[in-house]
N, C-alpha and C. Protein backbone atom coordinates (compact mmCIF):
# COMPACT_ATOMS: atom_id res chain seq x y z
N UNK A 1 -30.87 -14.22 5.18
CA UNK A 1 -30.53 -13.61 6.33
C UNK A 1 -30.11 -12.15 6.16
N UNK A 2 -30.61 -11.17 6.70
CA UNK A 2 -30.10 -9.74 6.58
C UNK A 2 -29.13 -9.31 7.46
N UNK A 3 -28.50 -8.21 7.31
CA UNK A 3 -27.26 -7.95 8.15
C UNK A 3 -27.55 -7.99 9.73
N UNK A 4 -28.80 -7.23 9.92
CA UNK A 4 -29.22 -7.19 11.25
C UNK A 4 -29.29 -8.57 12.10
N UNK A 5 -30.06 -9.56 11.38
CA UNK A 5 -30.20 -10.80 11.77
C UNK A 5 -28.74 -11.58 11.85
N UNK A 6 -27.87 -11.45 10.99
CA UNK A 6 -26.68 -12.09 10.95
C UNK A 6 -25.98 -11.55 12.04
N UNK A 7 -25.69 -10.30 12.30
CA UNK A 7 -25.02 -9.73 13.37
C UNK A 7 -25.49 -10.00 14.79
N UNK A 8 -26.90 -10.05 14.83
CA UNK A 8 -27.46 -10.44 16.26
C UNK A 8 -27.06 -11.94 16.52
N UNK A 9 -27.20 -12.74 15.56
CA UNK A 9 -26.95 -14.07 15.69
C UNK A 9 -25.53 -14.41 16.18
N UNK A 10 -24.54 -13.41 15.48
CA UNK A 10 -23.21 -13.65 15.59
C UNK A 10 -22.69 -13.31 17.14
N UNK A 11 -23.28 -12.12 17.62
CA UNK A 11 -22.87 -11.73 18.88
C UNK A 11 -23.52 -12.88 20.00
N UNK A 12 -24.73 -13.21 19.71
CA UNK A 12 -25.20 -14.30 20.64
C UNK A 12 -24.35 -15.61 20.63
N UNK A 13 -23.85 -16.03 19.52
CA UNK A 13 -22.98 -17.04 19.38
C UNK A 13 -21.68 -16.71 20.12
N UNK A 14 -21.03 -15.66 20.06
CA UNK A 14 -19.76 -15.05 20.60
C UNK A 14 -20.07 -15.19 22.10
N UNK A 15 -21.15 -14.53 22.70
CA UNK A 15 -21.30 -14.67 24.03
C UNK A 15 -21.59 -16.00 24.68
N UNK A 16 -22.23 -16.86 23.87
CA UNK A 16 -22.53 -18.19 24.48
C UNK A 16 -20.98 -19.03 24.47
N UNK A 17 -20.19 -18.72 23.64
CA UNK A 17 -18.96 -19.51 23.43
C UNK A 17 -18.25 -19.04 24.59
N UNK A 18 -18.17 -17.82 24.98
CA UNK A 18 -17.36 -17.26 26.31
C UNK A 18 -18.17 -17.42 27.42
N UNK A 19 -19.20 -18.05 27.50
CA UNK A 19 -19.95 -18.29 28.84
C UNK A 19 -20.50 -17.01 29.58
N UNK A 20 -20.98 -16.17 28.63
CA UNK A 20 -21.61 -15.06 29.26
C UNK A 20 -23.21 -15.06 29.28
N UNK A 21 -23.82 -14.82 30.27
CA UNK A 21 -25.28 -14.82 30.19
C UNK A 21 -25.76 -13.39 29.94
N UNK A 22 -26.65 -13.27 29.13
CA UNK A 22 -27.23 -12.16 28.52
C UNK A 22 -28.80 -11.94 28.59
N UNK A 23 -29.22 -10.98 28.82
CA UNK A 23 -30.57 -10.64 28.61
C UNK A 23 -31.00 -10.65 27.20
N UNK A 24 -32.22 -11.04 26.96
CA UNK A 24 -32.59 -11.26 25.67
C UNK A 24 -32.88 -10.07 24.81
N UNK A 25 -32.93 -8.88 25.26
CA UNK A 25 -33.02 -7.84 24.39
C UNK A 25 -31.78 -7.23 23.68
N UNK A 26 -31.85 -7.03 22.44
CA UNK A 26 -30.77 -6.69 21.64
C UNK A 26 -31.54 -5.56 20.65
N UNK A 27 -30.57 -4.27 20.73
CA UNK A 27 -30.85 -3.27 19.77
C UNK A 27 -29.95 -2.98 18.76
N UNK A 28 -30.29 -3.06 17.61
CA UNK A 28 -29.57 -2.95 16.38
C UNK A 28 -29.72 -1.42 15.82
N UNK A 29 -28.27 -0.85 15.73
CA UNK A 29 -28.47 0.57 15.34
C UNK A 29 -27.94 0.64 13.77
N UNK A 30 -28.41 1.56 13.00
CA UNK A 30 -28.00 1.61 11.57
C UNK A 30 -26.53 1.85 11.35
N UNK A 31 -26.15 1.58 10.40
CA UNK A 31 -24.72 1.77 9.96
C UNK A 31 -24.25 3.57 10.22
N UNK A 32 -23.28 3.65 11.14
CA UNK A 32 -22.82 5.22 11.43
C UNK A 32 -21.29 5.07 11.51
N UNK A 33 -20.67 6.37 11.23
CA UNK A 33 -19.31 6.62 11.39
C UNK A 33 -19.27 6.99 13.01
N UNK A 34 -18.23 6.06 13.56
CA UNK A 34 -17.96 6.24 14.81
C UNK A 34 -16.34 6.40 14.90
N UNK A 35 -15.83 7.11 15.82
CA UNK A 35 -14.40 7.19 16.15
C UNK A 35 -14.31 6.09 17.34
N UNK A 36 -13.34 5.06 16.66
CA UNK A 36 -13.00 3.94 17.54
C UNK A 36 -12.12 4.25 18.72
N UNK A 37 -11.93 3.33 19.70
CA UNK A 37 -10.96 3.42 20.59
C UNK A 37 -9.70 3.71 20.27
N UNK A 38 -9.32 3.34 19.02
CA UNK A 38 -7.77 3.48 18.50
C UNK A 38 -7.85 5.09 17.88
N UNK A 39 -9.03 5.77 17.92
CA UNK A 39 -8.79 7.19 17.26
C UNK A 39 -9.20 7.24 15.77
N UNK A 40 -9.46 5.92 15.11
CA UNK A 40 -9.84 6.03 13.87
C UNK A 40 -11.27 5.99 13.51
N UNK A 41 -11.71 6.88 12.63
CA UNK A 41 -13.09 6.92 12.18
C UNK A 41 -13.28 5.76 11.23
N UNK A 42 -14.50 5.28 11.54
CA UNK A 42 -14.72 3.98 10.59
C UNK A 42 -16.46 3.83 10.75
N UNK A 43 -16.87 3.35 9.59
CA UNK A 43 -18.44 2.91 9.57
C UNK A 43 -18.50 1.57 10.38
N UNK A 44 -19.50 1.59 11.19
CA UNK A 44 -19.61 0.37 12.02
C UNK A 44 -21.22 0.26 12.21
N UNK A 45 -21.63 -0.98 12.53
CA UNK A 45 -22.87 -1.38 13.14
C UNK A 45 -22.49 -1.60 14.73
N UNK A 46 -23.66 -0.92 15.40
CA UNK A 46 -23.55 -1.39 16.71
C UNK A 46 -24.64 -1.91 17.42
N UNK A 47 -24.54 -3.13 17.96
CA UNK A 47 -25.69 -3.69 18.62
C UNK A 47 -25.58 -3.63 20.10
N UNK A 48 -26.58 -2.99 20.81
CA UNK A 48 -26.57 -3.00 22.28
C UNK A 48 -27.39 -4.25 22.82
N UNK A 49 -27.05 -4.49 24.23
CA UNK A 49 -27.63 -5.57 24.91
C UNK A 49 -27.27 -5.50 26.42
N UNK A 50 -27.92 -6.33 27.14
CA UNK A 50 -27.74 -6.22 28.68
C UNK A 50 -27.13 -7.73 29.06
N UNK A 51 -26.29 -7.63 29.79
CA UNK A 51 -25.87 -8.84 30.59
C UNK A 51 -26.75 -9.23 31.56
N UNK A 52 -26.89 -10.49 31.97
CA UNK A 52 -28.06 -10.72 32.77
C UNK A 52 -27.68 -10.32 34.13
N UNK A 53 -28.83 -10.11 35.00
CA UNK A 53 -28.62 -9.91 36.43
C UNK A 53 -27.96 -11.18 37.24
N UNK A 54 -27.20 -10.92 38.21
CA UNK A 54 -26.71 -12.13 38.78
C UNK A 54 -27.25 -12.00 40.24
N UNK A 55 -28.04 -13.06 40.62
CA UNK A 55 -28.72 -13.24 41.94
C UNK A 55 -28.30 -14.43 42.55
N UNK A 56 -27.75 -14.21 43.76
CA UNK A 56 -27.31 -15.54 44.62
C UNK A 56 -28.38 -15.42 45.96
N UNK A 57 -28.77 -16.69 46.31
CA UNK A 57 -29.66 -16.98 47.26
C UNK A 57 -29.03 -17.76 48.45
N UNK A 58 -29.59 -17.33 49.67
CA UNK A 58 -28.86 -18.19 50.96
C UNK A 58 -29.77 -19.34 51.27
N UNK A 59 -29.31 -20.07 52.15
CA UNK A 59 -30.03 -21.36 52.27
C UNK A 59 -31.52 -21.26 52.61
N UNK A 60 -31.88 -20.06 53.10
CA UNK A 60 -33.24 -19.98 53.35
C UNK A 60 -34.31 -19.30 52.33
N UNK A 61 -33.42 -19.41 50.98
CA UNK A 61 -34.07 -18.61 49.88
C UNK A 61 -34.20 -17.15 49.77
N UNK A 62 -33.53 -16.65 50.55
CA UNK A 62 -33.50 -14.91 50.59
C UNK A 62 -32.22 -14.49 49.72
N UNK A 63 -32.50 -13.37 49.18
CA UNK A 63 -31.35 -12.96 48.30
C UNK A 63 -30.28 -12.52 49.06
N UNK A 64 -29.11 -13.14 48.82
CA UNK A 64 -27.91 -12.88 49.48
C UNK A 64 -27.00 -11.89 48.85
N UNK A 65 -27.18 -11.85 47.42
CA UNK A 65 -26.17 -11.07 46.49
C UNK A 65 -26.91 -10.67 45.37
N UNK A 66 -27.08 -9.50 44.83
CA UNK A 66 -27.64 -9.07 43.54
C UNK A 66 -26.73 -8.16 42.69
N UNK A 67 -26.47 -8.40 41.52
CA UNK A 67 -25.63 -7.50 40.81
C UNK A 67 -26.47 -7.23 39.37
N UNK A 68 -26.92 -6.15 39.24
CA UNK A 68 -27.75 -5.79 38.16
C UNK A 68 -26.96 -5.79 36.88
N UNK A 69 -27.60 -6.54 35.78
CA UNK A 69 -26.80 -6.66 34.47
C UNK A 69 -26.75 -5.06 33.99
N UNK A 70 -25.51 -5.02 33.13
CA UNK A 70 -25.30 -3.65 32.54
C UNK A 70 -25.38 -3.72 31.30
N UNK A 71 -25.59 -2.57 30.47
CA UNK A 71 -25.47 -2.40 29.04
C UNK A 71 -24.05 -2.69 28.54
N UNK A 72 -24.09 -3.22 27.20
CA UNK A 72 -22.75 -3.28 26.78
C UNK A 72 -23.13 -2.92 25.09
N UNK A 73 -21.99 -2.70 24.29
CA UNK A 73 -22.32 -2.25 23.03
C UNK A 73 -21.25 -3.11 22.10
N UNK A 74 -21.68 -3.84 21.13
CA UNK A 74 -20.81 -4.67 20.40
C UNK A 74 -20.51 -3.82 19.09
N UNK A 75 -19.42 -3.53 18.61
CA UNK A 75 -19.07 -2.93 17.51
C UNK A 75 -18.61 -3.89 16.23
N UNK A 76 -19.29 -3.76 15.09
CA UNK A 76 -18.84 -4.52 14.00
C UNK A 76 -18.67 -3.60 12.97
N UNK A 77 -17.35 -4.02 12.17
CA UNK A 77 -16.99 -3.34 11.07
C UNK A 77 -18.14 -3.48 9.89
N UNK A 78 -18.50 -2.18 9.40
CA UNK A 78 -19.39 -2.27 8.24
C UNK A 78 -19.17 -2.92 7.11
N UNK A 79 -17.78 -2.91 6.90
CA UNK A 79 -17.21 -3.57 5.34
C UNK A 79 -17.43 -5.17 5.77
N UNK A 80 -16.60 -5.49 6.73
CA UNK A 80 -16.36 -7.01 6.69
C UNK A 80 -17.34 -7.82 7.71
N UNK A 81 -18.13 -7.04 8.42
CA UNK A 81 -19.00 -7.59 9.29
C UNK A 81 -18.32 -8.39 10.42
N UNK A 82 -17.11 -8.08 10.65
CA UNK A 82 -16.45 -8.55 11.76
C UNK A 82 -16.45 -7.92 13.19
N UNK A 83 -16.70 -8.62 14.15
CA UNK A 83 -16.71 -8.05 15.43
C UNK A 83 -15.42 -7.42 15.66
N UNK A 84 -15.36 -6.02 16.27
CA UNK A 84 -14.14 -5.42 16.64
C UNK A 84 -13.96 -5.38 18.05
N UNK A 85 -14.83 -5.30 18.83
CA UNK A 85 -14.84 -5.31 20.43
C UNK A 85 -16.23 -5.13 20.92
N UNK A 86 -16.24 -5.24 22.19
CA UNK A 86 -17.50 -5.17 22.93
C UNK A 86 -17.12 -4.07 24.09
N UNK A 87 -17.87 -2.91 24.16
CA UNK A 87 -17.61 -1.90 25.08
C UNK A 87 -18.65 -2.27 26.10
N UNK A 88 -18.01 -2.43 27.44
CA UNK A 88 -18.90 -2.69 28.76
C UNK A 88 -18.67 -1.24 29.46
N UNK A 89 -19.26 -1.20 30.76
CA UNK A 89 -19.11 0.04 31.70
C UNK A 89 -17.91 -0.02 32.21
N UNK A 90 -17.02 -1.04 32.21
CA UNK A 90 -15.93 -1.14 33.08
C UNK A 90 -14.58 -1.58 32.15
N UNK A 91 -14.72 -1.44 30.72
CA UNK A 91 -13.63 -1.82 29.97
C UNK A 91 -14.20 -2.41 28.58
N UNK A 92 -13.33 -3.05 28.05
CA UNK A 92 -13.52 -3.65 26.72
C UNK A 92 -13.33 -5.20 26.74
N UNK A 93 -14.12 -5.83 26.09
CA UNK A 93 -14.20 -7.41 25.85
C UNK A 93 -13.74 -7.55 24.60
N UNK A 94 -12.61 -8.14 24.36
CA UNK A 94 -11.88 -8.58 23.00
C UNK A 94 -12.56 -9.58 22.36
N UNK A 95 -12.26 -9.75 21.04
CA UNK A 95 -12.66 -10.70 20.14
C UNK A 95 -12.15 -12.03 20.68
N UNK A 96 -11.20 -12.06 21.38
CA UNK A 96 -10.94 -13.37 21.85
C UNK A 96 -11.51 -13.87 23.20
N UNK A 97 -12.28 -12.89 23.73
CA UNK A 97 -13.05 -13.16 24.87
C UNK A 97 -12.37 -12.69 26.16
N UNK A 98 -11.22 -12.08 25.93
CA UNK A 98 -10.39 -11.62 27.08
C UNK A 98 -10.99 -10.28 27.40
N UNK A 99 -10.73 -9.78 28.62
CA UNK A 99 -11.32 -8.57 28.98
C UNK A 99 -10.18 -7.49 29.25
């Protein structure tokens, strides 16, 4: 299994473990140097994906509530291949699943 496949498989397992519904599209970016949220520059791999849309229906089958899934970015340390955090539009999802 190459790095791309390994990391995409890892993020899928992480999201399933923490009960997050996701869209099936994943984009894998080549290794790059990024300034992380703590201000340290580090080589990372980034995987982008979308959380699934949320649709709620009323008793007549009409859409009662709709929330569009948002893009998120999983940051992996390029040396250790460990998940550092997930950047969402409204904050960070930590490696323990907390927001």
